[in-house]
């Protein structure tokens, strides 16, 4: 039925248009957004905990590193890191591979504005399948997102750890608990009550930042909405006017729905970790 678009009208034309291979890639690109969120979130939390614990460390160099990490990234526009980190990591990996795989080449790698390495040092190789190039770009994007939002998570977790009432920790010490036991059984569980509001905001910001994948060369939902919505008759066999407004309206509905679901989930988590907190506060005050 869809073999000759010129013979189609109405709903048949629309059905065939929305089921083209290009549109199937558009639908699959929504999975890319979920994949970025699913992979980035735990890596961000790991970096956040590492940064928060580094800021609390008694070892001065480690504490200074934690302070510099959180302060520097929070003070620089995120878009700079999103563009800098993938480029810097990509060139660093290719630089190391060039030194290992092509030691006989003595020409400088940096030649003016060009970064020139041997073909064997390319990451990924030029002969690699398309999915390998996509996976490498996805990995660089996740690293960039994790470094940036890990700093924000570290600041949030650091503040939450400091917000836990000290009398609870002192009571645990009075019962003979070790510092490790106090942190695992008292400090860490109580910390979530103060951390979740900030982490929920960070999650919302991360969701809103996923369209930046388009700037990193990843074919995400923004890329396909721009390509499929534009009036490019030479792009596929279904010419149409400029429909970008409708494509981006669909993305608006998608992001609003995703943030709404996230709000419900975080509200449930906050209620769960806060259970008994008000009674605990009353008992402490009395």
Protein backbone atom coordinates (compact mmCIF):
# COMPACT_ATOMS: atom_id res chain seq x y z
CA UNK A 1 0.00 0.00 0.00
CA UNK A 2 2.86 2.39 0.80
CA UNK A 3 4.96 1.62 -2.26
CA UNK A 4 3.68 4.64 -4.26
CA UNK A 5 3.00 7.66 -2.01
CA UNK A 6 1.57 9.66 -4.92
CA UNK A 7 -1.47 7.36 -5.00
CA UNK A 8 -2.28 7.79 -1.32
CA UNK A 9 -4.60 10.28 0.33
CA UNK A 10 -5.83 11.18 3.79
CA UNK A 11 -5.25 8.70 6.59
CA UNK A 12 -3.57 6.17 4.31
CA UNK A 13 -0.96 8.74 3.32
CA UNK A 14 -0.45 9.76 6.97
CA UNK A 15 -0.18 6.14 8.12
CA UNK A 16 2.43 5.32 5.50
CA UNK A 17 4.28 8.58 6.24
CA UNK A 18 4.47 7.84 9.98
CA UNK A 19 5.66 4.27 9.37
CA UNK A 20 8.66 5.05 7.13
CA UNK A 21 12.09 3.74 8.22
CA UNK A 22 13.12 7.29 9.08
CA UNK A 23 10.19 7.62 11.45
CA UNK A 24 11.07 4.29 13.01
CA UNK A 25 14.48 5.77 13.77
CA UNK A 26 12.69 8.77 15.27
CA UNK A 27 10.66 6.49 17.55
CA UNK A 28 13.80 4.56 18.51
CA UNK A 29 15.54 7.82 19.41
CA UNK A 30 13.20 8.13 22.40
CA UNK A 31 14.98 5.05 23.74
CA UNK A 32 18.25 6.97 23.43
CA UNK A 33 16.88 9.61 25.83
CA UNK A 34 15.82 6.95 28.33
CA UNK A 35 19.17 5.20 27.94
CA UNK A 36 21.04 8.43 28.70
CA UNK A 37 18.94 9.00 31.81
CA UNK A 38 19.21 5.40 33.03
CA UNK A 39 22.98 5.22 32.55
CA UNK A 40 23.81 8.77 33.62
CA UNK A 41 21.79 8.78 36.85
CA UNK A 42 23.76 6.06 38.72
CA UNK A 43 27.11 7.34 37.42
CA UNK A 44 26.13 10.83 38.55
CA UNK A 45 25.25 9.53 42.02
CA UNK A 46 28.58 7.68 42.27
CA UNK A 47 30.48 10.85 41.37
CA UNK A 48 28.23 12.82 43.68
CA UNK A 49 28.95 10.57 46.66
CA UNK A 50 32.65 10.57 45.83
CA UNK A 51 32.68 14.38 45.65
CA UNK A 52 30.67 14.76 48.86
CA UNK A 53 32.89 12.36 50.79
CA UNK A 54 35.99 14.05 49.35
CA UNK A 55 34.77 17.41 50.66
CA UNK A 56 34.32 15.85 54.12
CA UNK A 57 37.67 14.05 54.06
CA UNK A 58 40.27 14.75 56.75
CA UNK A 59 42.96 14.33 54.10
CA UNK A 60 43.63 17.91 52.95
CA UNK A 61 44.55 17.23 49.28
CA UNK A 62 41.44 15.06 48.82
CA UNK A 63 39.26 17.67 50.49
CA UNK A 64 40.70 20.40 48.26
CA UNK A 65 40.06 18.25 45.20
CA UNK A 66 36.43 17.81 46.20
CA UNK A 67 35.98 21.54 46.75
CA UNK A 68 37.65 22.43 43.44
CA UNK A 69 35.60 19.83 41.54
CA UNK A 70 32.25 21.03 42.82
CA UNK A 71 33.05 24.74 42.76
CA UNK A 72 34.69 24.83 39.33
CA UNK A 73 31.95 22.97 37.47
CA UNK A 74 29.15 24.84 39.23
CA UNK A 75 30.80 28.11 38.22
CA UNK A 76 31.16 27.33 34.49
CA UNK A 77 28.22 27.21 32.04
CA UNK A 78 27.16 23.62 31.46
CA UNK A 79 27.18 23.92 27.69
CA UNK A 80 30.94 24.52 27.80
CA UNK A 81 31.54 21.20 29.56
CA UNK A 82 29.08 19.38 27.30
CA UNK A 83 31.10 20.50 24.30
CA UNK A 84 34.57 20.41 25.88
CA UNK A 85 34.53 17.02 27.63
CA UNK A 86 33.65 14.85 24.57
CA UNK A 87 36.21 16.65 22.40
CA UNK A 88 38.93 16.51 25.05
CA UNK A 89 38.33 12.83 25.89
CA UNK A 90 38.15 11.85 22.24
CA UNK A 91 41.46 13.57 21.46
CA UNK A 92 43.09 12.17 24.60
CA UNK A 93 42.16 8.59 23.69
CA UNK A 94 43.31 9.04 20.09
CA UNK A 95 46.55 10.69 21.29
CA UNK A 96 47.36 7.69 23.51
CA UNK A 97 46.42 5.20 20.78
CA UNK A 98 48.59 7.10 18.30
CA UNK A 99 51.63 6.84 20.59
CA UNK A 100 51.05 3.11 21.11
CA UNK A 101 50.00 1.97 17.64
CA UNK A 102 52.04 4.33 15.45
CA UNK A 103 55.36 5.01 17.23
CA UNK A 104 57.16 5.25 13.90
CA UNK A 105 55.28 8.43 12.96
CA UNK A 106 57.21 11.40 14.31
CA UNK A 107 55.14 14.18 12.75
CA UNK A 108 53.48 16.47 15.29
CA UNK A 109 49.90 15.56 16.15
CA UNK A 110 48.81 19.16 16.53
CA UNK A 111 49.36 20.79 13.15
CA UNK A 112 47.97 24.28 13.46
CA UNK A 113 44.23 23.96 13.98
CA UNK A 114 44.22 20.29 12.94
CA UNK A 115 44.49 17.22 15.17
CA UNK A 116 46.15 14.54 13.02
CA UNK A 117 46.63 10.93 14.15
CA UNK A 118 47.23 7.75 12.16
CA UNK A 119 44.22 5.80 10.91
CA UNK A 120 44.90 2.96 13.36
CA UNK A 121 44.54 5.39 16.27
CA UNK A 122 41.08 6.61 15.30
CA UNK A 123 38.43 5.93 17.92
CA UNK A 124 36.46 4.19 16.65
CA UNK A 125 38.16 3.02 13.47
CA UNK A 126 36.92 4.32 10.17
CA UNK A 127 36.05 0.75 9.17
CA UNK A 128 33.93 0.23 12.29
CA UNK A 129 30.17 -0.22 11.84
CA UNK A 130 27.85 2.71 12.39
CA UNK A 131 26.63 1.39 15.74
CA UNK A 132 30.22 1.55 17.08
CA UNK A 133 30.43 5.25 16.21
CA UNK A 134 27.05 5.83 17.85
CA UNK A 135 28.06 3.91 20.97
CA UNK A 136 31.30 5.90 21.28
CA UNK A 137 29.45 9.19 20.96
CA UNK A 138 26.87 7.99 23.50
CA UNK A 139 29.64 7.04 25.96
CA UNK A 140 31.29 10.46 25.66
CA UNK A 141 27.93 12.14 26.18
CA UNK A 142 27.24 10.09 29.34
CA UNK A 143 30.68 10.97 30.73
CA UNK A 144 30.09 14.67 30.05
CA UNK A 145 26.65 14.62 31.67
CA UNK A 146 27.92 12.63 34.66
CA UNK A 147 30.87 14.94 35.36
CA UNK A 148 28.69 18.05 35.23
CA UNK A 149 25.75 16.79 37.25
CA UNK A 150 27.97 14.76 39.55
CA UNK A 151 29.31 18.08 40.86
CA UNK A 152 25.78 19.33 41.56
CA UNK A 153 24.89 16.01 43.21
CA UNK A 154 28.04 16.23 45.35
CA UNK A 155 27.03 19.65 46.61
CA UNK A 156 23.50 18.43 47.37
CA UNK A 157 24.70 15.31 49.19
CA UNK A 158 27.33 17.28 51.11
CA UNK A 159 24.66 19.65 52.40
CA UNK A 160 22.34 16.75 53.26
CA UNK A 161 25.06 14.98 55.23
CA UNK A 162 25.70 18.16 57.22
CA UNK A 163 21.97 18.61 57.85
CA UNK A 164 21.60 15.35 59.82
CA UNK A 165 21.20 16.31 63.52
CA UNK A 166 24.47 15.80 65.36
CA UNK A 167 22.71 14.55 68.50
CA UNK A 168 21.69 11.39 66.62
CA UNK A 169 25.30 10.71 65.70
CA UNK A 170 26.49 11.46 69.23
CA UNK A 171 23.88 9.08 70.65
CA UNK A 172 25.13 6.34 68.34
CA UNK A 173 28.70 6.96 69.52
CA UNK A 174 27.50 6.76 73.12
CA UNK A 175 26.13 3.29 72.38
CA UNK A 176 29.60 2.24 71.20
CA UNK A 177 28.97 2.16 67.45
CA UNK A 178 31.98 2.61 65.20
CA UNK A 179 32.15 5.52 62.73
CA UNK A 180 31.51 3.14 59.86
CA UNK A 181 28.44 1.72 61.58
CA UNK A 182 27.20 5.22 62.36
CA UNK A 183 27.55 6.29 58.76
CA UNK A 184 25.89 3.18 57.34
CA UNK A 185 23.05 2.79 59.86
CA UNK A 186 22.35 6.36 61.05
CA UNK A 187 23.99 9.04 58.93
CA UNK A 188 23.26 7.69 55.45
CA UNK A 189 19.59 6.70 55.99
CA UNK A 190 18.79 10.04 57.66
CA UNK A 191 20.58 11.97 54.93
CA UNK A 192 18.08 10.99 52.22
CA UNK A 193 15.35 13.07 53.85
CA UNK A 194 17.36 16.22 53.19
CA UNK A 195 18.90 15.11 49.87
CA UNK A 196 15.84 14.00 47.91
CA UNK A 197 14.37 17.49 47.27
CA UNK A 198 17.66 18.66 45.77
CA UNK A 199 18.20 15.42 43.87
CA UNK A 200 14.69 15.59 42.42
CA UNK A 201 15.44 19.06 41.08
CA UNK A 202 18.71 17.76 39.66
CA UNK A 203 16.87 14.91 37.95
CA UNK A 204 14.47 17.40 36.36
CA UNK A 205 17.40 19.48 35.12
CA UNK A 206 19.01 16.34 33.70
CA UNK A 207 15.82 15.54 31.80
CA UNK A 208 15.73 19.05 30.37
CA UNK A 209 19.39 18.76 29.36
CA UNK A 210 18.94 15.64 27.20
CA UNK A 211 18.16 17.74 24.06
CA UNK A 212 21.81 18.83 24.23
CA UNK A 213 22.62 15.40 22.79
CA UNK A 214 21.75 17.01 19.47
CA UNK A 215 24.72 19.35 19.88
CA UNK A 216 27.03 16.38 20.49
CA UNK A 217 26.17 14.82 17.13
CA UNK A 218 23.87 12.12 18.52
CA UNK A 219 20.72 11.41 16.51
CA UNK A 220 18.27 12.01 19.34
CA UNK A 221 14.62 13.06 19.26
CA UNK A 222 15.50 16.72 18.62
CA UNK A 223 17.62 15.77 15.61
CA UNK A 224 14.88 13.67 14.05
CA UNK A 225 12.13 16.19 14.85
CA UNK A 226 14.13 18.85 13.04
CA UNK A 227 14.89 16.60 10.07
CA UNK A 228 11.47 14.99 9.65
CA UNK A 229 9.51 18.13 10.42
CA UNK A 230 11.34 20.30 7.91
CA UNK A 231 10.01 20.69 4.36
CA UNK A 232 12.81 18.70 2.64
CA UNK A 233 11.28 16.98 -0.36
CA UNK A 234 14.60 15.39 -1.35
CA UNK A 235 15.00 13.74 2.06
CA UNK A 236 12.28 11.12 1.61
CA UNK A 237 9.37 10.31 -0.71
CA UNK A 238 6.69 12.01 1.39
CA UNK A 239 6.96 15.76 0.75
CA UNK A 240 5.07 18.05 3.13
CA UNK A 241 5.08 21.64 4.39
CA UNK A 242 7.11 22.74 7.40
CA UNK A 243 5.74 20.57 10.22
CA UNK A 244 8.47 21.22 12.78
CA UNK A 245 5.95 22.97 15.02
CA UNK A 246 3.97 19.73 15.41
CA UNK A 247 7.03 17.59 15.93
CA UNK A 248 8.37 19.86 18.65
CA UNK A 249 4.89 20.05 20.18
CA UNK A 250 5.03 16.25 20.47
CA UNK A 251 8.41 16.57 22.21
CA UNK A 252 6.88 19.13 24.57
CA UNK A 253 4.15 16.67 25.55
CA UNK A 254 6.76 13.91 25.98
CA UNK A 255 8.97 15.96 28.31
CA UNK A 256 6.02 17.27 30.34
CA UNK A 257 4.74 13.71 30.79
CA UNK A 258 8.19 12.49 31.80
CA UNK A 259 8.63 15.25 34.37
CA UNK A 260 5.14 14.61 35.75
CA UNK A 261 5.89 10.91 36.24
CA UNK A 262 9.18 11.88 37.89
CA UNK A 263 7.40 14.22 40.29
CA UNK A 264 5.05 11.45 41.39
CA UNK A 265 7.93 9.01 41.90
CA UNK A 266 10.02 11.47 43.92
CA UNK A 267 7.01 12.47 46.00
CA UNK A 268 6.48 8.83 46.89
CA UNK A 269 10.18 8.37 47.71
CA UNK A 270 10.24 11.48 49.88
CA UNK A 271 7.20 10.32 51.83
CA UNK A 272 8.81 6.93 52.36
CA UNK A 273 12.19 8.15 53.61
CA UNK A 274 10.55 10.87 55.74
CA UNK A 275 8.29 8.46 57.57
CA UNK A 276 8.74 9.00 61.29
CA UNK A 277 10.84 12.14 60.90
CA UNK A 278 8.27 14.47 62.43
CA UNK A 279 7.86 12.19 65.45
CA UNK A 280 11.61 12.01 65.78
CA UNK A 281 11.80 15.81 65.72
CA UNK A 282 9.14 16.06 68.44
CA UNK A 283 10.94 13.50 70.58
CA UNK A 284 14.22 15.37 70.16
CA UNK A 285 12.61 18.70 71.06
CA UNK A 286 10.98 17.24 74.17
